[in-house]
Structure formats: structure tokens, C-alpha cells
Amino acid sequence: MTMRICSLLPSGTEILYSLGLGDQVVAVTHECDYPPETAAKPRITEDLIEQGRMTSVESSRLIEHRPARDHLSPQARSARNA
């Protein structure tokens, strides 16, 4: 039986590919950028803070008042429902 792996850490993604399990990785995070093959995988997370557009105070407020609803991208919803 082939595993279907969603990698939630960039370092974990790299390890999976190093172990030859890249073909079993079905989704990665928005931060996974290595190896280059990860670019073709669906993203199961997304960055809610645009870099350079928010001060640290604004970022802290956002984190404190995180909405409870899920913020999955359309790709992530598809991967979750697959």
C-alpha cells in the first residue's frame, strides 16, 4: 500500500525526498521550496500576513484575534477531500 503524505514542515519535506518518498508526498506547506519538485505539489497552508505590509504590532493583533474558521486554500480543500 502506498502512503499519501502531507508534509507540514519544510525540513520534513526535504527529508521525505531524501529518503526517496517524494512520489508519495501529495501536499506541502506554503513554505516548502526545496527540492524544486515541491513547486508542483498542492499547498495545504497559506501565509495570512503579507510580508512588508504589516508592522509587528499589527501582526501580534492578528495572532491574538485569530478567527476560528478554517482558512484553507481551494487547493488545500481539494487535497483534504481527495
PDB file of N, CA and C in Angstrom:
ATOM      1  N   MET A   1       0.841  -1.185   0.000  1.00  0.00           N
ATOM      2  CA  MET A   1       0.000   0.000   0.000  1.00  0.00           C
ATOM      3  C   MET A   1       0.886   1.248   0.000  1.00  0.00           C
ATOM      4  N   THR A   2       0.584   2.168  -0.876  1.00  0.00           N
ATOM      5  CA  THR A   2       1.324   3.412  -0.974  1.00  0.00           C
ATOM      6  C   THR A   2       0.752   4.431   0.009  1.00  0.00           C
ATOM      7  N   MET A   3       1.647   5.110   0.718  1.00  0.00           N
ATOM      8  CA  MET A   3       1.203   6.160   1.634  1.00  0.00           C
ATOM      9  C   MET A   3       0.911   7.434   0.864  1.00  0.00           C
ATOM     10  N   ARG A   4       0.002   8.244   1.402  1.00  0.00           N
ATOM     11  CA  ARG A   4      -0.256   9.593   0.893  1.00  0.00           C
ATOM     12  C   ARG A   4       0.167  10.531   2.009  1.00  0.00           C
ATOM     13  N   ILE A   5       1.232  11.287   1.774  1.00  0.00           N
ATOM     14  CA  ILE A   5       1.838  12.094   2.819  1.00  0.00           C
ATOM     15  C   ILE A   5       1.592  13.579   2.566  1.00  0.00           C
ATOM     16  N   CYS A   6       1.102  14.284   3.590  1.00  0.00           N
ATOM     17  CA  CYS A   6       1.023  15.749   3.584  1.00  0.00           C
ATOM     18  C   CYS A   6       2.122  16.229   4.516  1.00  0.00           C
ATOM     19  N   SER A   7       3.096  16.902   3.990  1.00  0.00           N
ATOM     20  CA  SER A   7       4.210  17.373   4.801  1.00  0.00           C
ATOM     21  C   SER A   7       3.897  18.755   5.358  1.00  0.00           C
ATOM     22  N   LEU A   8       4.000  18.894   6.678  1.00  0.00           N
ATOM     23  CA  LEU A   8       3.683  20.155   7.344  1.00  0.00           C
ATOM     24  C   LEU A   8       4.917  20.952   7.756  1.00  0.00           C
ATOM     25  N   LEU A   9       6.092  20.430   7.475  1.00  0.00           N
ATOM     26  CA  LEU A   9       7.336  21.141   7.784  1.00  0.00           C
ATOM     27  C   LEU A   9       8.272  21.100   6.588  1.00  0.00           C
ATOM     28  N   PRO A  10       8.853  22.238   6.210  1.00  0.00           N
ATOM     29  CA  PRO A  10       9.809  22.226   5.096  1.00  0.00           C
ATOM     30  C   PRO A  10      10.945  21.227   5.314  1.00  0.00           C
ATOM     31  N   SER A  11      11.447  21.129   6.542  1.00  0.00           N
ATOM     32  CA  SER A  11      12.539  20.181   6.795  1.00  0.00           C
ATOM     33  C   SER A  11      12.056  18.748   6.617  1.00  0.00           C
ATOM     34  N   GLY A  12      10.809  18.482   7.012  1.00  0.00           N
ATOM     35  CA  GLY A  12      10.245  17.154   6.815  1.00  0.00           C
ATOM     36  C   GLY A  12      10.097  16.817   5.342  1.00  0.00           C
ATOM     37  N   THR A  13       9.716  17.807   4.560  1.00  0.00           N
ATOM     38  CA  THR A  13       9.583  17.614   3.117  1.00  0.00           C
ATOM     39  C   THR A  13      10.932  17.234   2.512  1.00  0.00           C
ATOM     40  N   GLU A  14      11.974  17.955   2.902  1.00  0.00           N
ATOM     41  CA  GLU A  14      13.316  17.653   2.394  1.00  0.00           C
ATOM     42  C   GLU A  14      13.742  16.243   2.772  1.00  0.00           C
ATOM     43  N   ILE A  15      13.444  15.850   4.014  1.00  0.00           N
ATOM     44  CA  ILE A  15      13.812  14.503   4.475  1.00  0.00           C
ATOM     45  C   ILE A  15      13.063  13.443   3.674  1.00  0.00           C
ATOM     46  N   LEU A  16      11.769  13.663   3.462  1.00  0.00           N
ATOM     47  CA  LEU A  16      10.982  12.696   2.685  1.00  0.00           C
ATOM     48  C   LEU A  16      11.568  12.500   1.290  1.00  0.00           C
ATOM     49  N   TYR A  17      11.928  13.599   0.636  1.00  0.00           N
ATOM     50  CA  TYR A  17      12.527  13.488  -0.697  1.00  0.00           C
ATOM     51  C   TYR A  17      13.897  12.809  -0.632  1.00  0.00           C
ATOM     52  N   SER A  18      14.670  13.106   0.412  1.00  0.00           N
ATOM     53  CA  SER A  18      15.983  12.467   0.567  1.00  0.00           C
ATOM     54  C   SER A  18      15.856  10.961   0.752  1.00  0.00           C
ATOM     55  N   LEU A  19      14.763  10.536   1.380  1.00  0.00           N
ATOM     56  CA  LEU A  19      14.524   9.108   1.601  1.00  0.00           C
ATOM     57  C   LEU A  19      13.889   8.428   0.388  1.00  0.00           C
ATOM     58  N   GLY A  20      13.661   9.206  -0.674  1.00  0.00           N
ATOM     59  CA  GLY A  20      13.072   8.644  -1.882  1.00  0.00           C
ATOM     60  C   GLY A  20      11.557   8.508  -1.818  1.00  0.00           C
ATOM     61  N   LEU A  21      10.926   9.258  -0.923  1.00  0.00           N
ATOM     62  CA  LEU A  21       9.475   9.164  -0.760  1.00  0.00           C
ATOM     63  C   LEU A  21       8.723  10.320  -1.416  1.00  0.00           C
ATOM     64  N   GLY A  22       9.401  11.106  -2.245  1.00  0.00           N
ATOM     65  CA  GLY A  22       8.785  12.266  -2.879  1.00  0.00           C
ATOM     66  C   GLY A  22       7.553  11.942  -3.690  1.00  0.00           C
ATOM     67  N   ASP A  23       7.517  10.759  -4.296  1.00  0.00           N
ATOM     68  CA  ASP A  23       6.343  10.390  -5.093  1.00  0.00           C
ATOM     69  C   ASP A  23       5.110  10.126  -4.231  1.00  0.00           C
ATOM     70  N   GLN A  24       5.305   9.953  -2.921  1.00  0.00           N
ATOM     71  CA  GLN A  24       4.189   9.724  -2.007  1.00  0.00           C
ATOM     72  C   GLN A  24       3.720  11.006  -1.322  1.00  0.00           C
ATOM     73  N   VAL A  25       4.457  12.101  -1.516  1.00  0.00           N
ATOM     74  CA  VAL A  25       4.064  13.396  -0.955  1.00  0.00           C
ATOM     75  C   VAL A  25       2.964  13.973  -1.842  1.00  0.00           C
ATOM     76  N   VAL A  26       1.789  14.183  -1.261  1.00  0.00           N
ATOM     77  CA  VAL A  26       0.654  14.669  -2.050  1.00  0.00           C
ATOM     78  C   VAL A  26       0.392  16.156  -1.830  1.00  0.00           C
ATOM     79  N   ALA A  27       0.937  16.746  -0.759  1.00  0.00           N
ATOM     80  CA  ALA A  27       0.747  18.172  -0.496  1.00  0.00           C
ATOM     81  C   ALA A  27       1.826  18.654   0.467  1.00  0.00           C
ATOM     82  N   VAL A  28       2.125  19.956   0.373  1.00  0.00           N
ATOM     83  CA  VAL A  28       3.156  20.568   1.213  1.00  0.00           C
ATOM     84  C   VAL A  28       2.661  21.925   1.717  1.00  0.00           C
ATOM     85  N   THR A  29       3.447  22.578   2.563  1.00  0.00           N
ATOM     86  CA  THR A  29       3.073  23.896   3.073  1.00  0.00           C
ATOM     87  C   THR A  29       3.504  24.999   2.112  1.00  0.00           C
ATOM     88  N   HIS A  30       3.023  26.205   2.372  1.00  0.00           N
ATOM     89  CA  HIS A  30       3.394  27.352   1.538  1.00  0.00           C
ATOM     90  C   HIS A  30       4.869  27.694   1.687  1.00  0.00           C
ATOM     91  N   GLU A  31       5.521  27.157   2.713  1.00  0.00           N
ATOM     92  CA  GLU A  31       6.934  27.453   2.951  1.00  0.00           C
ATOM     93  C   GLU A  31       7.879  26.431   2.316  1.00  0.00           C
ATOM     94  N   CYS A  32       7.360  25.327   1.827  1.00  0.00           N
ATOM     95  CA  CYS A  32       8.205  24.290   1.236  1.00  0.00           C
ATOM     96  C   CYS A  32       8.663  24.738  -0.161  1.00  0.00           C
ATOM     97  N   ASP A  33       9.972  24.856  -0.320  1.00  0.00           N
ATOM     98  CA  ASP A  33      10.510  25.282  -1.611  1.00  0.00           C
ATOM     99  C   ASP A  33      11.677  24.426  -2.088  1.00  0.00           C
ATOM    100  N   TYR A  34      11.995  23.399  -1.327  1.00  0.00           N
ATOM    101  CA  TYR A  34      13.087  22.508  -1.717  1.00  0.00           C
ATOM    102  C   TYR A  34      12.701  21.084  -1.385  1.00  0.00           C
ATOM    103  N   PRO A  35      12.980  20.169  -2.259  1.00  0.00           N
ATOM    104  CA  PRO A  35      13.565  20.320  -3.582  1.00  0.00           C
ATOM    105  C   PRO A  35      12.593  20.991  -4.553  1.00  0.00           C
ATOM    106  N   PRO A  36      13.084  21.413  -5.697  1.00  0.00           N
ATOM    107  CA  PRO A  36      12.253  22.142  -6.657  1.00  0.00           C
ATOM    108  C   PRO A  36      10.962  21.423  -7.059  1.00  0.00           C
ATOM    109  N   GLU A  37      10.932  20.100  -6.949  1.00  0.00           N
ATOM    110  CA  GLU A  37       9.738  19.331  -7.308  1.00  0.00           C
ATOM    111  C   GLU A  37       8.530  19.704  -6.449  1.00  0.00           C
ATOM    112  N   THR A  38       8.771  20.294  -5.271  1.00  0.00           N
ATOM    113  CA  THR A  38       7.656  20.666  -4.391  1.00  0.00           C
ATOM    114  C   THR A  38       6.792  21.760  -5.005  1.00  0.00           C
ATOM    115  N   ALA A  39       7.305  22.499  -5.960  1.00  0.00           N
ATOM    116  CA  ALA A  39       6.531  23.578  -6.593  1.00  0.00           C
ATOM    117  C   ALA A  39       5.282  23.038  -7.296  1.00  0.00           C
ATOM    118  N   ALA A  40       5.309  21.791  -7.703  1.00  0.00           N
ATOM    119  CA  ALA A  40       4.171  21.194  -8.410  1.00  0.00           C
ATOM    120  C   ALA A  40       3.127  20.599  -7.460  1.00  0.00           C
ATOM    121  N   LYS A  41       3.433  20.567  -6.165  1.00  0.00           N
ATOM    122  CA  LYS A  41       2.512  19.965  -5.192  1.00  0.00           C
ATOM    123  C   LYS A  41       1.483  20.990  -4.714  1.00  0.00           C
ATOM    124  N   PRO A  42       0.263  20.542  -4.392  1.00  0.00           N
ATOM    125  CA  PRO A  42      -0.725  21.451  -3.796  1.00  0.00           C
ATOM    126  C   PRO A  42      -0.231  21.972  -2.448  1.00  0.00           C
ATOM    127  N   ARG A  43      -0.596  23.189  -2.128  1.00  0.00           N
ATOM    128  CA  ARG A  43      -0.222  23.812  -0.845  1.00  0.00           C
ATOM    129  C   ARG A  43      -1.375  23.639   0.137  1.00  0.00           C
ATOM    130  N   ILE A  44      -1.090  23.158   1.338  1.00  0.00           N
ATOM    131  CA  ILE A  44      -2.144  22.959   2.326  1.00  0.00           C
ATOM    132  C   ILE A  44      -2.170  24.052   3.385  1.00  0.00           C
ATOM    133  N   THR A  45      -1.272  25.012   3.260  1.00  0.00           N
ATOM    134  CA  THR A  45      -1.288  26.181   4.138  1.00  0.00           C
ATOM    135  C   THR A  45      -1.060  27.415   3.287  1.00  0.00           C
ATOM    136  N   GLU A  46      -1.356  28.563   3.857  1.00  0.00           N
ATOM    137  CA  GLU A  46      -1.041  29.805   3.159  1.00  0.00           C
ATOM    138  C   GLU A  46      -0.640  30.851   4.182  1.00  0.00           C
ATOM    139  N   ASP A  47       0.143  31.808   3.756  1.00  0.00           N
ATOM    140  CA  ASP A  47       0.611  32.887   4.603  1.00  0.00           C
ATOM    141  C   ASP A  47      -0.485  33.945   4.682  1.00  0.00           C
ATOM    142  N   LEU A  48      -0.962  34.231   5.890  1.00  0.00           N
ATOM    143  CA  LEU A  48      -2.019  35.226   6.058  1.00  0.00           C
ATOM    144  C   LEU A  48      -1.476  36.637   6.203  1.00  0.00           C
ATOM    145  N   ILE A  49      -0.166  36.751   6.376  1.00  0.00           N
ATOM    146  CA  ILE A  49       0.451  38.062   6.572  1.00  0.00           C
ATOM    147  C   ILE A  49       1.330  38.369   5.367  1.00  0.00           C
ATOM    148  N   GLU A  50       0.996  39.412   4.638  1.00  0.00           N
ATOM    149  CA  GLU A  50       1.815  39.817   3.504  1.00  0.00           C
ATOM    150  C   GLU A  50       3.093  40.453   4.030  1.00  0.00           C
ATOM    151  N   GLN A  51       4.225  39.940   3.635  1.00  0.00           N
ATOM    152  CA  GLN A  51       5.500  40.464   4.104  1.00  0.00           C
ATOM    153  C   GLN A  51       5.664  41.917   3.695  1.00  0.00           C
ATOM    154  N   GLY A  52       6.107  42.728   4.638  1.00  0.00           N
ATOM    155  CA  GLY A  52       6.356  44.130   4.368  1.00  0.00           C
ATOM    156  C   GLY A  52       5.120  45.004   4.387  1.00  0.00           C
ATOM    157  N   ARG A  53       3.958  44.420   4.645  1.00  0.00           N
ATOM    158  CA  ARG A  53       2.722  45.199   4.621  1.00  0.00           C
ATOM    159  C   ARG A  53       2.124  45.366   6.012  1.00  0.00           C
ATOM    160  N   MET A  54       2.735  44.739   7.015  1.00  0.00           N
ATOM    161  CA  MET A  54       2.179  44.783   8.344  1.00  0.00           C
ATOM    162  C   MET A  54       3.295  45.021   9.367  1.00  0.00           C
ATOM    163  N   THR A  55       3.029  45.857  10.344  1.00  0.00           N
ATOM    164  CA  THR A  55       4.013  46.078  11.412  1.00  0.00           C
ATOM    165  C   THR A  55       3.942  44.911  12.391  1.00  0.00           C
ATOM    166  N   SER A  56       4.940  44.804  13.258  1.00  0.00           N
ATOM    167  CA  SER A  56       4.935  43.719  14.238  1.00  0.00           C
ATOM    168  C   SER A  56       3.756  43.853  15.200  1.00  0.00           C
ATOM    169  N   VAL A  57       3.347  45.078  15.513  1.00  0.00           N
ATOM    170  CA  VAL A  57       2.191  45.290  16.390  1.00  0.00           C
ATOM    171  C   VAL A  57       0.928  44.768  15.704  1.00  0.00           C
ATOM    172  N   GLU A  58       0.769  45.079  14.424  1.00  0.00           N
ATOM    173  CA  GLU A  58      -0.396  44.594  13.676  1.00  0.00           C
ATOM    174  C   GLU A  58      -0.375  43.066  13.574  1.00  0.00           C
ATOM    175  N   SER A  59       0.795  42.496  13.377  1.00  0.00           N
ATOM    176  CA  SER A  59       0.919  41.041  13.311  1.00  0.00           C
ATOM    177  C   SER A  59       0.494  40.407  14.626  1.00  0.00           C
ATOM    178  N   SER A  60       0.936  40.990  15.730  1.00  0.00           N
ATOM    179  CA  SER A  60       0.583  40.468  17.047  1.00  0.00           C
ATOM    180  C   SER A  60      -0.922  40.524  17.269  1.00  0.00           C
ATOM    181  N   ARG A  61      -1.545  41.608  16.861  1.00  0.00           N
ATOM    182  CA  ARG A  61      -3.003  41.719  16.997  1.00  0.00           C
ATOM    183  C   ARG A  61      -3.718  40.648  16.184  1.00  0.00           C
ATOM    184  N   LEU A  62      -3.227  40.420  14.971  1.00  0.00           N
ATOM    185  CA  LEU A  62      -3.831  39.401  14.125  1.00  0.00           C
ATOM    186  C   LEU A  62      -3.751  38.030  14.787  1.00  0.00           C
ATOM    187  N   ILE A  63      -2.602  37.715  15.348  1.00  0.00           N
ATOM    188  CA  ILE A  63      -2.412  36.417  16.004  1.00  0.00           C
ATOM    189  C   ILE A  63      -3.320  36.288  17.228  1.00  0.00           C
ATOM    190  N   GLU A  64      -3.450  37.372  17.999  1.00  0.00           N
ATOM    191  CA  GLU A  64      -4.302  37.347  19.190  1.00  0.00           C
ATOM    192  C   GLU A  64      -5.762  37.134  18.837  1.00  0.00           C
ATOM    193  N   HIS A  65      -6.193  37.660  17.706  1.00  0.00           N
ATOM    194  CA  HIS A  65      -7.601  37.614  17.323  1.00  0.00           C
ATOM    195  C   HIS A  65      -7.836  36.710  16.122  1.00  0.00           C
ATOM    196  N   ARG A  66      -7.109  35.605  16.106  1.00  0.00           N
ATOM    197  CA  ARG A  66      -7.257  34.641  15.022  1.00  0.00           C
ATOM    198  C   ARG A  66      -8.694  34.179  14.888  1.00  0.00           C
ATOM    199  N   PRO A  67      -9.239  34.212  13.701  1.00  0.00           N
ATOM    200  CA  PRO A  67     -10.585  33.660  13.526  1.00  0.00           C
ATOM    201  C   PRO A  67     -10.573  32.144  13.718  1.00  0.00           C
ATOM    202  N   ALA A  68     -11.662  31.609  14.184  1.00  0.00           N
ATOM    203  CA  ALA A  68     -11.743  30.176  14.442  1.00  0.00           C
ATOM    204  C   ALA A  68     -12.009  29.374  13.170  1.00  0.00           C
ATOM    205  N   ARG A  69     -12.497  30.038  12.116  1.00  0.00           N
ATOM    206  CA  ARG A  69     -12.823  29.274  10.910  1.00  0.00           C
ATOM    207  C   ARG A  69     -11.576  28.858  10.154  1.00  0.00           C
ATOM    208  N   ASP A  70     -11.734  27.873   9.330  1.00  0.00           N
ATOM    209  CA  ASP A  70     -10.573  27.345   8.621  1.00  0.00           C
ATOM    210  C   ASP A  70     -10.282  28.207   7.393  1.00  0.00           C
ATOM    211  N   HIS A  71      -9.000  28.404   7.136  1.00  0.00           N
ATOM    212  CA  HIS A  71      -8.539  29.275   6.048  1.00  0.00           C
ATOM    213  C   HIS A  71      -7.830  28.469   4.969  1.00  0.00           C
ATOM    214  N   LEU A  72      -8.376  27.339   4.623  1.00  0.00           N
ATOM    215  CA  LEU A  72      -7.734  26.515   3.607  1.00  0.00           C
ATOM    216  C   LEU A  72      -7.922  27.114   2.226  1.00  0.00           C
ATOM    217  N   SER A  73      -6.875  27.033   1.447  1.00  0.00           N
ATOM    218  CA  SER A  73      -6.965  27.475   0.064  1.00  0.00           C
ATOM    219  C   SER A  73      -7.812  26.463  -0.716  1.00  0.00           C
ATOM    220  N   PRO A  74      -8.314  26.834  -1.909  1.00  0.00           N
ATOM    221  CA  PRO A  74      -9.075  25.869  -2.713  1.00  0.00           C
ATOM    222  C   PRO A  74      -8.278  24.587  -2.998  1.00  0.00           C
ATOM    223  N   GLN A  75      -6.972  24.728  -3.229  1.00  0.00           N
ATOM    224  CA  GLN A  75      -6.132  23.545  -3.471  1.00  0.00           C
ATOM    225  C   GLN A  75      -6.093  22.666  -2.232  1.00  0.00           C
ATOM    226  N   ALA A  76      -5.973  23.296  -1.055  1.00  0.00           N
ATOM    227  CA  ALA A  76      -5.903  22.534   0.180  1.00  0.00           C
ATOM    228  C   ALA A  76      -7.224  21.809   0.440  1.00  0.00           C
ATOM    229  N   ARG A  77      -8.333  22.469   0.149  1.00  0.00           N
ATOM    230  CA  ARG A  77      -9.636  21.809   0.323  1.00  0.00           C
ATOM    231  C   ARG A  77      -9.745  20.585  -0.587  1.00  0.00           C
ATOM    232  N   SER A  78      -9.275  20.729  -1.826  1.00  0.00           N
ATOM    233  CA  SER A  78      -9.296  19.596  -2.761  1.00  0.00           C
ATOM    234  C   SER A  78      -8.440  18.447  -2.249  1.00  0.00           C
ATOM    235  N   ALA A  79      -7.248  18.759  -1.739  1.00  0.00           N
ATOM    236  CA  ALA A  79      -6.353  17.730  -1.227  1.00  0.00           C
ATOM    237  C   ALA A  79      -6.972  17.046  -0.008  1.00  0.00           C
ATOM    238  N   ARG A  80      -7.621  17.838   0.834  1.00  0.00           N
ATOM    239  CA  ARG A  80      -8.244  17.294   2.049  1.00  0.00           C
ATOM    240  C   ARG A  80      -9.396  16.362   1.686  1.00  0.00           C
ATOM    241  N   ASN A  81     -10.146  16.709   0.665  1.00  0.00           N
ATOM    242  CA  ASN A  81     -11.315  15.927   0.286  1.00  0.00           C
ATOM    243  C   ASN A  81     -10.990  14.763  -0.644  1.00  0.00           C
ATOM    244  N   ALA A  82      -9.738  14.667  -1.092  1.00  0.00           N
ATOM    245  CA  ALA A  82      -9.353  13.603  -2.038  1.00  0.00           C
ATOM    246  C   ALA A  82      -9.277  12.255  -1.353  1.00  0.00           C
TER     247      ALA A  82
END
